[in-house]
Each structure stands twice: as structure tokens, then as C-alpha cells.
């Protein structure tokens, strides 16, 4: 069995299980058969749909119904370790690109799913969202700046981390001064 994952909106990840007898996305089982090179036919919502898959380096991109997703292979050992990890963390660039807009700044408290920034890669814009509640600890790129694959685009500190506690204390001080 191969385990993959993709996101269709900020802070929303789906798991894909590839088995010899079919494909399961989250809990939905799909009938899929190979077409031509990089082409597959999938039964989605009762309709046959053409799905395209392209692999570039270690990244795979899938296109269906005019939308594209990056699909990442999950190492089962790392997935188990990550499930026990603390909230917070960093978002890394899935491919080279440019920052289109910023929706947060260092020191700002954010909630899971909040839009933090928008990037553009391969003419596709993606919104990077907060994976958990916390405080923005680092946003190293400004609008218009380019970045390479793997670059840290934003780091969110979990509520218990020192940078988050300092930002929360500063917010409390500002609130009491008003």
C-alpha cells in the first residue's frame, strides 16, 4: 500500500491510499483505471472523470476538473511521529515561486485555517493557511520576493512556545492600555 496526501484548501489535508485493488481518498473508495501516459479514468460522484498525473522530481501533480493539486508521498514512520508532534510548525514551499500577498505578520495570533500568505508557482496561486492555532513567529519573504522549493514560507509558534507567549503578553498589554 502507498500512502499519499494532498490539500484542497488551507489547513485541510486528505489522505490517499493506493492499493492493488483500488484507491481510497479519506473514506471514499474510487474505481480508477489507467488510460494513456499519465492519464487515468476515475469514477467520481457517479461520473467517469479524466485525471492527469505528472511527476517532476520527487513531486507529483494531479489535475481533475480544471483544478490541480500537489500530491505528497507519506513515509509511514514519519506520519506516526508527526501525529504526536506539538501544534505550530512551519510551512515550506512545495516548489519555487513568488509571494503574491501577505495576510499576517510576525507576532500576530492566528487560528487554524487562517490565510497567512498567497504564493504563485507554475502560474498556480495557492493560499498557505495556519495548520493550527498559534502566533506567527516568522515570515521571511515580502510580497514580490521569489523563493526556492523547500524554503520556509511561514513559521507559526504553538501557544506554549516562548515567542507565542511573548506575543500574547504584548497583545494583553496593548489591550489594557486602550
N, C-alpha and C. Protein backbone atom coordinates (compact mmCIF):
# COMPACT_ATOMS: atom_id res chain seq x y z
N UNK A 1 0.84 -1.18 0.00
CA UNK A 1 0.00 0.00 0.00
C UNK A 1 0.89 1.24 0.00
N UNK A 2 0.50 2.25 -0.77
CA UNK A 2 1.19 3.53 -0.80
C UNK A 2 0.27 4.56 -0.17
N UNK A 3 0.83 5.39 0.69
CA UNK A 3 0.05 6.43 1.36
C UNK A 3 0.50 7.78 0.83
N UNK A 4 -0.48 8.58 0.36
CA UNK A 4 -0.22 9.91 -0.18
C UNK A 4 -1.10 10.90 0.56
N UNK A 5 -0.82 12.20 0.37
CA UNK A 5 -1.66 13.22 0.97
C UNK A 5 -1.70 14.43 0.06
N UNK A 6 -2.83 15.17 0.09
CA UNK A 6 -2.95 16.42 -0.65
C UNK A 6 -3.87 17.35 0.11
N UNK A 7 -3.82 18.64 -0.27
CA UNK A 7 -4.64 19.65 0.38
C UNK A 7 -5.52 20.32 -0.67
N UNK A 8 -6.80 20.52 -0.36
CA UNK A 8 -7.67 21.23 -1.30
C UNK A 8 -8.06 22.61 -0.80
N UNK A 9 -7.66 22.97 0.40
CA UNK A 9 -7.85 24.32 0.93
C UNK A 9 -6.89 24.48 2.11
N UNK A 10 -6.63 25.71 2.55
CA UNK A 10 -5.66 25.89 3.63
C UNK A 10 -5.98 25.04 4.85
N UNK A 11 -4.97 24.44 5.38
CA UNK A 11 -5.04 23.64 6.61
C UNK A 11 -5.99 22.45 6.50
N UNK A 12 -6.24 22.00 5.28
CA UNK A 12 -7.11 20.83 5.08
C UNK A 12 -6.33 19.80 4.28
N UNK A 13 -6.01 18.67 4.89
CA UNK A 13 -5.25 17.63 4.20
C UNK A 13 -6.11 16.38 4.07
N UNK A 14 -5.94 15.70 2.97
CA UNK A 14 -6.66 14.46 2.70
C UNK A 14 -5.66 13.34 2.51
N UNK A 15 -6.01 12.15 2.93
CA UNK A 15 -5.13 11.00 2.74
C UNK A 15 -5.64 10.14 1.60
N UNK A 16 -4.69 9.68 0.79
CA UNK A 16 -4.98 8.83 -0.35
C UNK A 16 -4.24 7.51 -0.13
N UNK A 17 -4.96 6.41 -0.18
CA UNK A 17 -4.36 5.08 -0.04
C UNK A 17 -4.44 4.40 -1.41
N UNK A 18 -3.27 4.04 -1.95
CA UNK A 18 -3.21 3.30 -3.21
C UNK A 18 -2.96 1.84 -2.90
N UNK A 19 -3.87 0.99 -3.34
CA UNK A 19 -3.73 -0.44 -3.13
C UNK A 19 -3.86 -1.14 -4.48
N UNK A 20 -3.47 -2.39 -4.52
CA UNK A 20 -3.58 -3.14 -5.77
C UNK A 20 -5.04 -3.28 -6.22
N UNK A 21 -5.99 -3.17 -5.29
CA UNK A 21 -7.40 -3.36 -5.63
C UNK A 21 -8.20 -2.07 -5.71
N UNK A 22 -7.53 -0.89 -5.66
CA UNK A 22 -8.27 0.36 -5.79
C UNK A 22 -7.64 1.51 -5.03
N UNK A 23 -8.34 2.63 -5.05
CA UNK A 23 -7.87 3.87 -4.43
C UNK A 23 -8.92 4.33 -3.42
N UNK A 24 -8.46 4.77 -2.25
CA UNK A 24 -9.35 5.34 -1.25
C UNK A 24 -8.86 6.75 -0.93
N UNK A 25 -9.76 7.75 -1.03
CA UNK A 25 -9.46 9.12 -0.65
C UNK A 25 -10.26 9.40 0.61
N UNK A 26 -9.55 9.67 1.71
CA UNK A 26 -10.17 9.74 3.03
C UNK A 26 -10.94 8.42 3.22
N UNK A 27 -12.26 8.45 3.29
CA UNK A 27 -13.01 7.20 3.46
C UNK A 27 -13.77 6.80 2.20
N UNK A 28 -13.61 7.56 1.10
CA UNK A 28 -14.33 7.27 -0.14
C UNK A 28 -13.49 6.38 -1.05
N UNK A 29 -14.09 5.27 -1.46
CA UNK A 29 -13.39 4.33 -2.34
C UNK A 29 -13.68 4.71 -3.79
N UNK A 30 -12.63 4.77 -4.62
CA UNK A 30 -12.77 5.15 -6.02
C UNK A 30 -12.32 4.02 -6.93
N UNK A 31 -13.04 3.84 -8.02
CA UNK A 31 -12.61 2.91 -9.06
C UNK A 31 -11.75 3.73 -10.02
N UNK A 32 -10.51 3.30 -10.24
CA UNK A 32 -9.58 4.03 -11.11
C UNK A 32 -8.93 3.03 -12.05
N UNK A 33 -8.80 3.43 -13.32
CA UNK A 33 -8.06 2.58 -14.26
C UNK A 33 -7.13 3.47 -15.08
N UNK A 34 -6.02 2.90 -15.50
CA UNK A 34 -5.03 3.64 -16.28
C UNK A 34 -5.54 3.88 -17.68
N UNK A 35 -5.26 5.10 -18.19
CA UNK A 35 -5.56 5.43 -19.59
C UNK A 35 -4.24 5.47 -20.32
N UNK A 36 -3.95 6.58 -20.99
CA UNK A 36 -2.67 6.77 -21.66
C UNK A 36 -1.60 7.16 -20.67
N UNK A 37 -0.47 7.64 -21.18
CA UNK A 37 0.65 8.05 -20.32
C UNK A 37 0.22 9.18 -19.40
N UNK A 38 0.27 8.95 -18.10
CA UNK A 38 -0.09 9.97 -17.12
C UNK A 38 -1.58 10.24 -17.02
N UNK A 39 -2.38 9.46 -17.70
CA UNK A 39 -3.82 9.68 -17.70
C UNK A 39 -4.52 8.51 -17.01
N UNK A 40 -5.54 8.85 -16.23
CA UNK A 40 -6.32 7.83 -15.52
C UNK A 40 -7.79 8.18 -15.67
N UNK A 41 -8.63 7.18 -15.61
CA UNK A 41 -10.07 7.38 -15.62
C UNK A 41 -10.57 6.97 -14.24
N UNK A 42 -11.26 7.89 -13.57
CA UNK A 42 -11.75 7.63 -12.21
C UNK A 42 -13.26 7.84 -12.18
N UNK A 43 -13.94 7.02 -11.40
CA UNK A 43 -15.37 7.19 -11.19
C UNK A 43 -15.51 8.12 -9.99
N UNK A 44 -15.97 9.38 -10.24
CA UNK A 44 -16.10 10.39 -9.19
C UNK A 44 -17.54 10.88 -9.20
N UNK A 45 -18.21 10.81 -8.06
CA UNK A 45 -19.61 11.25 -7.94
C UNK A 45 -20.49 10.62 -9.02
N UNK A 46 -20.24 9.34 -9.32
CA UNK A 46 -21.05 8.63 -10.29
C UNK A 46 -20.74 8.94 -11.74
N UNK A 47 -19.69 9.72 -12.01
CA UNK A 47 -19.32 10.08 -13.38
C UNK A 47 -17.90 9.66 -13.66
N UNK A 48 -17.64 9.26 -14.89
CA UNK A 48 -16.26 8.96 -15.31
C UNK A 48 -15.54 10.29 -15.54
N UNK A 49 -14.42 10.45 -14.89
CA UNK A 49 -13.64 11.69 -15.00
C UNK A 49 -12.23 11.36 -15.45
N UNK A 50 -11.67 12.23 -16.29
CA UNK A 50 -10.28 12.09 -16.74
C UNK A 50 -9.38 12.80 -15.74
N UNK A 51 -8.39 12.10 -15.26
CA UNK A 51 -7.46 12.62 -14.27
C UNK A 51 -6.06 12.54 -14.88
N UNK A 52 -5.30 13.64 -14.78
CA UNK A 52 -3.93 13.66 -15.30
C UNK A 52 -2.96 13.72 -14.14
N UNK A 53 -1.86 12.99 -14.25
CA UNK A 53 -0.83 12.99 -13.21
C UNK A 53 0.53 13.20 -13.87
N UNK A 54 1.31 14.14 -13.32
CA UNK A 54 2.65 14.44 -13.83
C UNK A 54 3.61 14.41 -12.66
N UNK A 55 4.72 13.74 -12.82
CA UNK A 55 5.75 13.71 -11.78
C UNK A 55 6.94 14.52 -12.26
N UNK A 56 7.39 15.45 -11.42
CA UNK A 56 8.58 16.25 -11.68
C UNK A 56 9.47 16.12 -10.46
N UNK A 57 10.61 15.47 -10.64
CA UNK A 57 11.49 15.22 -9.49
C UNK A 57 10.77 14.32 -8.51
N UNK A 58 10.72 14.75 -7.24
CA UNK A 58 10.03 13.93 -6.24
C UNK A 58 8.61 14.43 -5.97
N UNK A 59 8.11 15.34 -6.82
CA UNK A 59 6.76 15.87 -6.63
C UNK A 59 5.83 15.33 -7.71
N UNK A 60 4.59 15.05 -7.33
CA UNK A 60 3.57 14.61 -8.28
C UNK A 60 2.43 15.61 -8.24
N UNK A 61 1.95 16.01 -9.41
CA UNK A 61 0.85 16.96 -9.52
C UNK A 61 -0.30 16.26 -10.24
N UNK A 62 -1.51 16.43 -9.72
CA UNK A 62 -2.69 15.78 -10.27
C UNK A 62 -3.67 16.86 -10.68
N UNK A 63 -4.28 16.68 -11.87
CA UNK A 63 -5.28 17.63 -12.35
C UNK A 63 -6.59 16.89 -12.59
N UNK A 64 -7.68 17.47 -12.06
CA UNK A 64 -9.01 16.90 -12.21
C UNK A 64 -10.01 18.05 -12.25
N UNK A 65 -10.91 18.04 -13.23
CA UNK A 65 -11.95 19.08 -13.33
C UNK A 65 -11.37 20.49 -13.33
N UNK A 66 -10.23 20.68 -13.98
CA UNK A 66 -9.64 22.01 -14.09
C UNK A 66 -8.88 22.48 -12.86
N UNK A 67 -8.79 21.67 -11.83
CA UNK A 67 -8.04 22.03 -10.62
C UNK A 67 -6.82 21.15 -10.52
N UNK A 68 -5.76 21.69 -9.91
CA UNK A 68 -4.52 20.92 -9.77
C UNK A 68 -4.11 20.86 -8.30
N UNK A 69 -3.51 19.74 -7.91
CA UNK A 69 -3.03 19.55 -6.54
C UNK A 69 -1.64 18.93 -6.58
N UNK A 70 -0.83 19.28 -5.60
CA UNK A 70 0.43 18.58 -5.39
C UNK A 70 0.11 17.42 -4.45
N UNK A 71 0.56 16.23 -4.82
CA UNK A 71 0.32 15.04 -4.01
C UNK A 71 1.66 14.60 -3.44
N UNK A 72 1.74 14.47 -2.14
CA UNK A 72 2.98 14.11 -1.46
C UNK A 72 2.91 12.67 -0.97
N UNK A 73 4.01 11.96 -1.14
CA UNK A 73 4.11 10.60 -0.61
C UNK A 73 4.42 10.70 0.88
N UNK A 74 3.74 9.92 1.70
CA UNK A 74 3.94 9.95 3.14
C UNK A 74 4.74 8.73 3.57
N UNK A 75 5.80 8.98 4.29
CA UNK A 75 6.59 7.90 4.89
C UNK A 75 5.82 7.48 6.14
N UNK A 76 5.32 6.24 6.21
CA UNK A 76 4.51 5.83 7.36
C UNK A 76 5.18 6.07 8.71
N UNK A 77 6.48 5.89 8.82
CA UNK A 77 7.19 6.14 10.08
C UNK A 77 7.14 7.60 10.47
N UNK A 78 7.34 8.50 9.49
CA UNK A 78 7.29 9.93 9.77
C UNK A 78 5.87 10.37 10.09
N UNK A 79 4.87 9.76 9.44
CA UNK A 79 3.48 10.13 9.70
C UNK A 79 3.10 9.81 11.14
N UNK A 80 3.55 8.65 11.64
CA UNK A 80 3.26 8.30 13.04
C UNK A 80 3.94 9.28 13.98
N UNK A 81 5.18 9.66 13.69
CA UNK A 81 5.91 10.60 14.55
C UNK A 81 5.25 11.97 14.54
N UNK A 82 4.80 12.41 13.36
CA UNK A 82 4.19 13.73 13.24
C UNK A 82 2.86 13.80 13.96
N UNK A 83 2.13 12.70 14.03
CA UNK A 83 0.82 12.73 14.67
C UNK A 83 0.93 13.04 16.16
N UNK A 84 2.08 12.78 16.76
CA UNK A 84 2.27 13.08 18.18
C UNK A 84 2.99 14.39 18.40
N UNK A 85 3.30 15.12 17.34
CA UNK A 85 4.05 16.37 17.47
C UNK A 85 3.17 17.48 18.01
N UNK A 86 3.81 18.49 18.58
CA UNK A 86 3.10 19.64 19.12
C UNK A 86 2.50 20.47 17.99
N UNK A 87 1.51 21.30 18.32
CA UNK A 87 0.92 22.20 17.34
C UNK A 87 1.94 23.25 16.94
N UNK A 88 1.62 24.01 15.92
CA UNK A 88 2.56 25.01 15.42
C UNK A 88 3.38 24.38 14.31
N UNK A 89 4.46 25.04 13.93
CA UNK A 89 5.34 24.49 12.91
C UNK A 89 5.51 25.44 11.76
N UNK A 90 6.17 24.96 10.72
CA UNK A 90 6.45 25.81 9.57
C UNK A 90 5.82 25.24 8.31
N UNK A 91 5.57 26.13 7.35
CA UNK A 91 5.09 25.73 6.04
C UNK A 91 6.21 25.96 5.05
N UNK A 92 6.55 24.92 4.30
CA UNK A 92 7.63 25.01 3.33
C UNK A 92 7.06 25.09 1.93
N UNK A 93 7.81 25.75 1.04
CA UNK A 93 7.40 25.91 -0.35
C UNK A 93 7.39 24.55 -1.05
N UNK A 94 6.26 24.20 -1.67
CA UNK A 94 6.19 22.92 -2.38
C UNK A 94 6.99 22.93 -3.68
N UNK A 95 7.24 24.13 -4.21
CA UNK A 95 8.00 24.31 -5.44
C UNK A 95 8.46 25.76 -5.50
N UNK A 96 9.40 26.13 -6.39
CA UNK A 96 9.84 27.53 -6.47
C UNK A 96 8.67 28.43 -6.85
N UNK A 97 8.72 29.69 -6.42
CA UNK A 97 7.64 30.61 -6.75
C UNK A 97 7.91 32.01 -6.24
N UNK A 98 6.82 32.78 -6.14
CA UNK A 98 6.89 34.17 -5.69
C UNK A 98 5.75 34.43 -4.71
N UNK A 99 5.98 35.30 -3.73
CA UNK A 99 4.94 35.67 -2.77
C UNK A 99 4.04 36.71 -3.43
N UNK A 100 2.73 36.45 -3.48
CA UNK A 100 1.76 37.34 -4.11
C UNK A 100 1.17 38.31 -3.09
N UNK A 101 0.82 37.81 -1.90
CA UNK A 101 0.25 38.69 -0.86
C UNK A 101 0.48 38.08 0.52
N UNK A 102 0.51 38.97 1.51
CA UNK A 102 0.66 38.56 2.91
C UNK A 102 -0.62 38.90 3.66
N UNK A 103 -1.08 37.98 4.50
CA UNK A 103 -2.31 38.20 5.26
C UNK A 103 -2.08 38.13 6.76
N UNK A 104 -0.82 38.07 7.16
CA UNK A 104 -0.45 38.02 8.58
C UNK A 104 0.94 38.62 8.71
N UNK A 105 1.35 38.86 9.95
CA UNK A 105 2.69 39.39 10.20
C UNK A 105 3.23 38.78 11.49
N UNK A 106 4.56 38.79 11.66
CA UNK A 106 5.15 38.22 12.88
C UNK A 106 4.54 38.83 14.14
N UNK A 107 4.24 37.98 15.11
CA UNK A 107 3.65 38.42 16.36
C UNK A 107 2.13 38.35 16.37
N UNK A 108 1.52 38.15 15.22
CA UNK A 108 0.06 38.10 15.11
C UNK A 108 -0.47 36.73 15.53
N UNK A 109 -1.50 36.73 16.37
CA UNK A 109 -2.16 35.48 16.75
C UNK A 109 -3.02 35.01 15.58
N UNK A 110 -2.97 33.71 15.29
CA UNK A 110 -3.75 33.14 14.19
C UNK A 110 -4.46 31.88 14.67
N UNK A 111 -5.50 31.54 13.96
CA UNK A 111 -6.27 30.33 14.26
C UNK A 111 -6.15 29.35 13.10
N UNK A 112 -6.32 28.08 13.40
CA UNK A 112 -6.23 27.05 12.37
C UNK A 112 -7.10 27.42 11.18
N UNK A 113 -6.51 27.36 9.98
CA UNK A 113 -7.23 27.66 8.76
C UNK A 113 -7.12 29.10 8.29
N UNK A 114 -6.66 30.02 9.17
CA UNK A 114 -6.49 31.42 8.75
C UNK A 114 -5.52 31.50 7.58
N UNK A 115 -5.84 32.32 6.59
CA UNK A 115 -4.92 32.55 5.46
C UNK A 115 -3.74 33.37 5.95
N UNK A 116 -2.53 32.90 5.67
CA UNK A 116 -1.31 33.60 6.09
C UNK A 116 -0.64 34.32 4.93
N UNK A 117 -0.57 33.67 3.78
CA UNK A 117 0.00 34.29 2.60
C UNK A 117 -0.46 33.55 1.36
N UNK A 118 -0.30 34.21 0.21
CA UNK A 118 -0.63 33.60 -1.08
C UNK A 118 0.65 33.56 -1.89
N UNK A 119 0.93 32.40 -2.48
CA UNK A 119 2.11 32.24 -3.32
C UNK A 119 1.67 31.85 -4.73
N UNK A 120 2.56 32.04 -5.68
CA UNK A 120 2.30 31.61 -7.05
C UNK A 120 3.47 30.76 -7.51
N UNK A 121 3.16 29.58 -7.99
CA UNK A 121 4.15 28.65 -8.53
C UNK A 121 3.57 28.03 -9.78
N UNK A 122 4.33 28.04 -10.85
CA UNK A 122 3.88 27.45 -12.12
C UNK A 122 2.53 28.03 -12.54
N UNK A 123 2.34 29.34 -12.37
CA UNK A 123 1.11 30.06 -12.74
C UNK A 123 -0.11 29.62 -11.94
N UNK A 124 0.10 28.93 -10.83
CA UNK A 124 -0.98 28.47 -9.97
C UNK A 124 -0.83 29.17 -8.62
N UNK A 125 -1.87 29.90 -8.20
CA UNK A 125 -1.82 30.57 -6.90
C UNK A 125 -2.34 29.63 -5.82
N UNK A 126 -1.64 29.63 -4.68
CA UNK A 126 -2.02 28.79 -3.55
C UNK A 126 -2.04 29.63 -2.29
N UNK A 127 -3.05 29.45 -1.47
CA UNK A 127 -3.12 30.12 -0.17
C UNK A 127 -2.51 29.19 0.86
N UNK A 128 -1.58 29.72 1.63
CA UNK A 128 -0.96 28.96 2.72
C UNK A 128 -1.68 29.35 3.99
N UNK A 129 -2.26 28.37 4.69
CA UNK A 129 -3.03 28.64 5.89
C UNK A 129 -2.35 28.11 7.13
N UNK A 130 -2.78 28.60 8.27
CA UNK A 130 -2.24 28.14 9.56
C UNK A 130 -2.72 26.72 9.81
N UNK A 131 -1.78 25.83 10.10
CA UNK A 131 -2.13 24.43 10.36
C UNK A 131 -2.72 24.26 11.75
N UNK A 132 -2.48 25.24 12.63
CA UNK A 132 -3.00 25.16 13.99
C UNK A 132 -3.07 26.57 14.58
N UNK A 133 -3.71 26.70 15.72
CA UNK A 133 -3.73 27.97 16.44
C UNK A 133 -2.32 28.28 16.92
N UNK A 134 -1.97 29.55 16.99
CA UNK A 134 -0.65 29.94 17.48
C UNK A 134 -0.37 31.39 17.15
N UNK A 135 0.91 31.72 17.09
CA UNK A 135 1.36 33.07 16.80
C UNK A 135 2.38 33.00 15.68
N UNK A 136 2.26 33.90 14.69
CA UNK A 136 3.22 33.92 13.59
C UNK A 136 4.58 34.31 14.16
N UNK A 137 5.54 33.42 14.04
CA UNK A 137 6.88 33.66 14.57
C UNK A 137 7.81 34.21 13.50
N UNK A 138 7.58 33.81 12.24
CA UNK A 138 8.50 34.21 11.17
C UNK A 138 7.79 34.19 9.83
N UNK A 139 7.99 35.25 9.05
CA UNK A 139 7.55 35.33 7.65
C UNK A 139 8.71 35.95 6.88
N UNK A 140 9.65 35.14 6.42
CA UNK A 140 10.89 35.67 5.87
C UNK A 140 10.81 36.31 4.49
N UNK A 141 9.69 36.21 3.79
CA UNK A 141 9.60 36.76 2.44
C UNK A 141 8.58 37.88 2.37
N UNK A 142 8.89 38.92 1.57
CA UNK A 142 7.98 40.04 1.33
C UNK A 142 7.25 39.79 0.01
N UNK A 143 6.19 40.55 -0.23
CA UNK A 143 5.45 40.46 -1.49
C UNK A 143 6.42 40.73 -2.64
N UNK A 144 6.35 39.88 -3.65
CA UNK A 144 7.21 40.03 -4.83
C UNK A 144 8.52 39.27 -4.75
N UNK A 145 8.88 38.82 -3.56
CA UNK A 145 10.13 38.06 -3.42
C UNK A 145 9.95 36.64 -3.92
N UNK A 146 11.00 36.11 -4.53
CA UNK A 146 10.98 34.73 -5.00
C UNK A 146 11.58 33.81 -3.94
N UNK A 147 11.23 32.55 -4.03
CA UNK A 147 11.74 31.55 -3.09
C UNK A 147 11.97 30.25 -3.84
N UNK A 148 12.75 29.38 -3.26
CA UNK A 148 13.05 28.08 -3.84
C UNK A 148 12.22 27.00 -3.16
N UNK A 149 12.12 25.85 -3.80
CA UNK A 149 11.42 24.71 -3.22
C UNK A 149 12.05 24.38 -1.87
N UNK A 150 11.21 24.15 -0.87
CA UNK A 150 11.68 23.79 0.46
C UNK A 150 11.94 24.97 1.38
N UNK A 151 11.88 26.20 0.84
CA UNK A 151 12.10 27.38 1.69
C UNK A 151 10.98 27.49 2.71
N UNK A 152 11.31 27.90 3.92
CA UNK A 152 10.29 28.13 4.95
C UNK A 152 9.57 29.42 4.60
N UNK A 153 8.26 29.33 4.35
CA UNK A 153 7.45 30.49 3.98
C UNK A 153 6.88 31.19 5.20
N UNK A 154 6.54 30.43 6.22
CA UNK A 154 5.98 30.98 7.45
C UNK A 154 6.20 29.97 8.57
N UNK A 155 6.44 30.48 9.75
CA UNK A 155 6.54 29.61 10.92
C UNK A 155 5.57 30.11 11.96
N UNK A 156 4.71 29.22 12.44
CA UNK A 156 3.73 29.55 13.48
C UNK A 156 4.15 28.83 14.75
N UNK A 157 4.30 29.60 15.82
CA UNK A 157 4.66 29.02 17.11
C UNK A 157 3.38 28.59 17.82
N UNK A 158 3.41 27.42 18.41
CA UNK A 158 2.28 26.94 19.20
C UNK A 158 2.12 27.86 20.41
N UNK A 159 0.94 27.90 20.98
CA UNK A 159 0.65 28.81 22.09
C UNK A 159 1.62 28.69 23.25
N UNK A 160 2.18 27.51 23.50
CA UNK A 160 3.09 27.32 24.63
C UNK A 160 4.53 27.72 24.36
N UNK A 161 4.90 27.98 23.09
CA UNK A 161 6.28 28.32 22.77
C UNK A 161 6.59 29.74 23.24
N UNK A 162 7.86 30.03 23.59
CA UNK A 162 8.24 31.35 24.10
C UNK A 162 7.81 32.51 23.21
N UNK A 163 7.99 32.41 21.89
CA UNK A 163 7.62 33.53 21.02
C UNK A 163 6.11 33.78 21.08
N UNK A 164 5.32 32.73 21.19
CA UNK A 164 3.87 32.87 21.28
C UNK A 164 3.47 33.52 22.60
N UNK A 165 4.10 33.08 23.68
CA UNK A 165 3.79 33.68 24.99
C UNK A 165 4.15 35.16 25.01
N UNK A 166 5.28 35.53 24.41
CA UNK A 166 5.70 36.94 24.37
C UNK A 166 4.72 37.77 23.56
N UNK A 167 4.26 37.24 22.42
CA UNK A 167 3.31 37.97 21.59
C UNK A 167 1.97 38.11 22.31
N UNK A 168 1.53 37.06 23.00
CA UNK A 168 0.27 37.13 23.73
C UNK A 168 0.36 38.14 24.87
N UNK A 169 1.50 38.21 25.54
CA UNK A 169 1.70 39.18 26.61
C UNK A 169 1.66 40.60 26.05
N UNK A 170 2.27 40.80 24.87
CA UNK A 170 2.28 42.12 24.24
C UNK A 170 0.86 42.53 23.86
N UNK A 171 0.06 41.59 23.33
CA UNK A 171 -1.33 41.88 22.98
C UNK A 171 -2.12 42.25 24.23
N UNK A 172 -1.90 41.54 25.33
CA UNK A 172 -2.61 41.83 26.57
C UNK A 172 -2.25 43.22 27.08
N UNK A 173 -0.97 43.60 26.96
CA UNK A 173 -0.52 44.92 27.40
C UNK A 173 -1.16 46.00 26.54
N UNK A 174 -1.20 45.79 25.21
CA UNK A 174 -1.83 46.76 24.31
C UNK A 174 -3.31 46.89 24.62
N UNK A 175 -3.96 45.76 24.90
CA UNK A 175 -5.39 45.77 25.19
C UNK A 175 -5.71 46.50 26.48
N UNK A 176 -4.84 46.38 27.49
CA UNK A 176 -5.11 47.05 28.76
C UNK A 176 -4.78 48.53 28.70
N UNK A 177 -3.94 48.95 27.74
CA UNK A 177 -3.58 50.36 27.60
C UNK A 177 -4.68 51.13 26.90
N UNK A 178 -5.57 50.44 26.19
CA UNK A 178 -6.62 51.11 25.42
C UNK A 178 -7.74 51.59 26.28
